Amino acid sequence: LPVEHHSFWQELCTRYGFMSPHRVAAGGDTRFASVHSGLELVPDGALVAIHDGVRPLVSAETIEACFHAAEAAGAAAPYRPLTESLRYYTPEANHAVDRSQYVTVQTPQTFRSEWIREAYAMPYEERFTDDCSVYESYFGCPVTLVEGNAENIKLTTPQDLALAELLMR
């Protein structure tokens, strides 16, 4: 959470009676920096789920599946199959690709705490678009994918927010 929002968070906790024990990490200028900061608060020997705040409709089943897979394999993330046609594109050319070989990845991305903390000790690179890309870059192996829920959309546009409101009805 950005440092300038910490006091507001405390007010919300008091106002709404949020009593679950928790610690708040200082957010950074990038996702990478924010996750790195949060991982400093996670103990060894734990499983840690890193979730986008802009994905409020994740299901309990998706979260549970990620924890089970990470417990078994060390790293897991939810995915969804593509339903639209997919093309490789450059300004000079484009061509169809087999969409069955591609998926979208959601959060929570879940890891053994020591492993993901070790991966986040690397310097930031722009190609790190999520926690899986950091993990894979460091360890050289993929995460286990588990099927996510279709409603676990990322709210990035006004249309996404309208869809989320519809899904919550």
Protein backbone atom coordinates (compact mmCIF):
# COMPACT_ATOMS: atom_id res chain seq x y z
CA LEU A 1 0.00 0.00 0.00
CA PRO A 2 1.46 3.42 -0.82
CA VAL A 3 2.84 4.99 2.35
CA GLU A 4 0.51 7.97 1.98
CA HIS A 5 -2.48 5.57 2.25
CA HIS A 6 -1.37 3.77 5.43
CA SER A 7 -3.27 6.06 7.80
CA PHE A 8 -6.42 5.80 5.66
CA TRP A 9 -6.11 2.00 5.83
CA GLN A 10 -5.91 2.18 9.62
CA GLU A 11 -9.05 4.35 9.66
CA LEU A 12 -10.87 1.76 7.52
CA CYS A 13 -9.74 -1.05 9.84
CA THR A 14 -11.11 0.82 12.83
CA ARG A 15 -14.35 1.91 11.15
CA TYR A 16 -15.22 -1.55 9.80
CA GLY A 17 -13.76 -3.68 12.56
CA PHE A 18 -11.07 -5.44 10.52
CA MET A 19 -9.48 -7.46 13.31
CA SER A 20 -7.45 -10.04 11.34
CA PRO A 21 -3.78 -9.75 12.25
CA HIS A 22 -1.86 -8.25 9.36
CA ARG A 23 1.13 -6.11 8.47
CA VAL A 24 1.21 -3.44 5.79
CA ALA A 25 4.20 -3.08 3.47
CA ALA A 26 5.16 0.13 1.73
CA GLY A 27 4.20 0.11 -1.94
CA GLY A 28 6.80 1.01 -4.53
CA ASP A 29 6.96 2.80 -7.85
CA THR A 30 6.55 -0.51 -9.72
CA ARG A 31 4.75 -3.77 -9.10
CA PHE A 32 8.17 -5.37 -8.69
CA ALA A 33 9.15 -2.90 -5.94
CA SER A 34 5.83 -3.33 -4.14
CA VAL A 35 6.03 -7.12 -4.17
CA HIS A 36 9.67 -7.01 -3.06
CA SER A 37 8.65 -4.83 -0.11
CA GLY A 38 5.79 -7.14 0.84
CA LEU A 39 7.97 -10.25 0.64
CA GLU A 40 10.24 -8.81 3.32
CA LEU A 41 7.33 -9.30 5.77
CA VAL A 42 6.68 -12.94 4.85
CA PRO A 43 8.31 -15.61 7.05
CA ASP A 44 10.31 -18.53 5.74
CA GLY A 45 8.45 -21.82 5.43
CA ALA A 46 5.24 -20.20 4.23
CA LEU A 47 3.26 -20.18 1.04
CA VAL A 48 2.68 -16.66 -0.23
CA ALA A 49 -0.05 -15.66 -2.68
CA ILE A 50 0.60 -12.45 -4.60
CA HIS A 51 -2.67 -11.01 -5.83
CA ASP A 52 -3.62 -7.93 -7.86
CA GLY A 53 -5.92 -5.57 -6.00
CA VAL A 54 -7.57 -4.93 -9.38
CA ARG A 55 -8.85 -8.53 -9.47
CA PRO A 56 -11.58 -8.43 -6.81
CA LEU A 57 -13.64 -11.32 -8.21
CA VAL A 58 -11.24 -14.20 -7.65
CA SER A 59 -13.03 -17.27 -6.34
CA ALA A 60 -12.20 -19.20 -3.19
CA GLU A 61 -11.78 -22.28 -5.39
CA THR A 62 -9.11 -20.55 -7.51
CA ILE A 63 -7.23 -19.43 -4.40
CA GLU A 64 -7.43 -22.91 -2.90
CA ALA A 65 -6.24 -24.56 -6.13
CA CYS A 66 -3.24 -22.22 -6.27
CA PHE A 67 -2.26 -23.02 -2.69
CA HIS A 68 -2.59 -26.77 -3.24
CA ALA A 69 -0.50 -26.65 -6.43
CA ALA A 70 2.15 -24.42 -4.85
CA GLU A 71 2.33 -26.69 -1.84
CA ALA A 72 3.06 -29.62 -4.16
CA ALA A 73 5.27 -27.93 -6.76
CA GLY A 74 6.55 -24.73 -5.12
CA ALA A 75 4.97 -22.29 -7.56
CA ALA A 76 1.52 -21.98 -9.14
CA ALA A 77 -0.70 -19.52 -10.96
CA PRO A 78 -4.24 -19.56 -12.33
CA TYR A 79 -4.80 -19.41 -16.07
CA ARG A 80 -7.67 -19.13 -18.51
CA PRO A 81 -7.75 -20.55 -22.04
CA LEU A 82 -8.04 -18.09 -24.90
CA THR A 83 -11.37 -18.01 -26.72
CA GLU A 84 -10.61 -15.44 -29.41
CA SER A 85 -8.45 -15.98 -32.46
CA LEU A 86 -4.84 -14.97 -31.93
CA ARG A 87 -2.39 -13.41 -34.37
CA TYR A 88 1.32 -12.65 -34.21
CA TYR A 89 1.69 -9.01 -35.27
CA THR A 90 4.46 -6.65 -36.35
CA PRO A 91 4.01 -3.45 -38.39
CA GLU A 92 5.40 -5.32 -41.39
CA ALA A 93 3.34 -8.52 -41.21
CA ASN A 94 0.98 -10.67 -39.19
CA HIS A 95 -0.14 -14.28 -39.14
CA ALA A 96 -2.47 -16.59 -37.24
CA VAL A 97 -1.09 -18.66 -34.39
CA ASP A 98 -2.54 -21.69 -32.64
CA ARG A 99 -4.42 -20.25 -29.66
CA SER A 100 -4.51 -23.66 -27.97
CA GLN A 101 -0.83 -23.14 -27.13
CA TYR A 102 -1.49 -19.86 -25.28
CA VAL A 103 -3.34 -18.91 -22.11
CA THR A 104 -3.89 -15.77 -20.08
CA VAL A 105 -2.48 -15.76 -16.56
CA GLN A 106 -4.29 -14.41 -13.52
CA THR A 107 -3.48 -13.93 -9.85
CA PRO A 108 -3.02 -15.01 -7.11
CA GLN A 109 0.38 -16.30 -8.14
CA THR A 110 1.46 -18.51 -5.26
CA PHE A 111 4.96 -19.59 -4.20
CA ARG A 112 7.10 -21.02 -1.45
CA SER A 113 8.17 -17.88 0.36
CA GLU A 114 11.91 -18.58 0.31
CA TRP A 115 11.89 -19.25 -3.42
CA ILE A 116 10.00 -16.17 -4.54
CA ARG A 117 11.94 -13.94 -2.13
CA GLU A 118 15.18 -15.30 -3.63
CA ALA A 119 13.91 -14.57 -7.14
CA TYR A 120 12.91 -11.03 -6.15
CA ALA A 121 16.47 -10.36 -4.96
CA MET A 122 17.35 -9.93 -8.65
CA PRO A 123 17.43 -6.43 -10.11
CA TYR A 124 14.21 -5.28 -11.78
CA GLU A 125 13.83 -5.75 -15.54
CA GLU A 126 11.02 -4.33 -17.68
CA ARG A 127 10.20 -7.81 -18.97
CA PHE A 128 8.96 -8.77 -15.48
CA THR A 129 5.22 -8.37 -16.05
CA ASP A 130 4.15 -10.58 -13.16
CA ASP A 131 5.55 -12.75 -10.39
CA CYS A 132 5.74 -15.83 -12.60
CA SER A 133 8.07 -14.01 -15.00
CA VAL A 134 10.37 -13.08 -12.09
CA TYR A 135 10.34 -16.66 -10.77
CA GLU A 136 10.95 -18.20 -14.21
CA SER A 137 13.75 -15.78 -15.00
CA TYR A 138 15.58 -16.65 -11.81
CA PHE A 139 14.98 -20.40 -11.62
CA GLY A 140 14.68 -21.20 -15.34
CA CYS A 141 11.60 -23.38 -14.90
CA PRO A 142 7.87 -22.73 -15.30
CA VAL A 143 5.24 -22.50 -12.61
CA THR A 144 2.40 -25.00 -12.35
CA LEU A 145 -0.77 -23.68 -13.93
CA VAL A 146 -4.23 -24.33 -12.50
CA GLU A 147 -7.47 -23.32 -14.13
CA GLY A 148 -8.70 -19.99 -12.78
CA ASN A 149 -12.21 -18.58 -12.71
CA ALA A 150 -13.60 -16.59 -15.62
CA GLU A 151 -14.86 -13.82 -13.32
CA ASN A 152 -11.32 -13.13 -12.06
CA ILE A 153 -10.97 -10.26 -14.53
CA LYS A 154 -8.45 -7.45 -14.23
CA LEU A 155 -10.18 -4.08 -13.83
CA THR A 156 -8.18 -1.74 -16.06
CA THR A 157 -10.78 0.05 -18.19
CA PRO A 158 -14.22 1.56 -17.57
CA GLN A 159 -15.69 -1.38 -19.48
CA ASP A 160 -13.99 -3.82 -17.08
CA LEU A 161 -15.57 -2.02 -14.14
CA ALA A 162 -19.02 -2.16 -15.77
CA LEU A 163 -18.55 -5.90 -16.42
CA ALA A 164 -17.50 -6.47 -12.79
CA GLU A 165 -20.58 -4.64 -11.56
CA LEU A 166 -22.72 -6.86 -13.78
CA LEU A 167 -20.97 -10.02 -12.52
CA MET A 168 -21.58 -9.01 -8.90
CA ARG A 169 -25.36 -8.74 -9.35
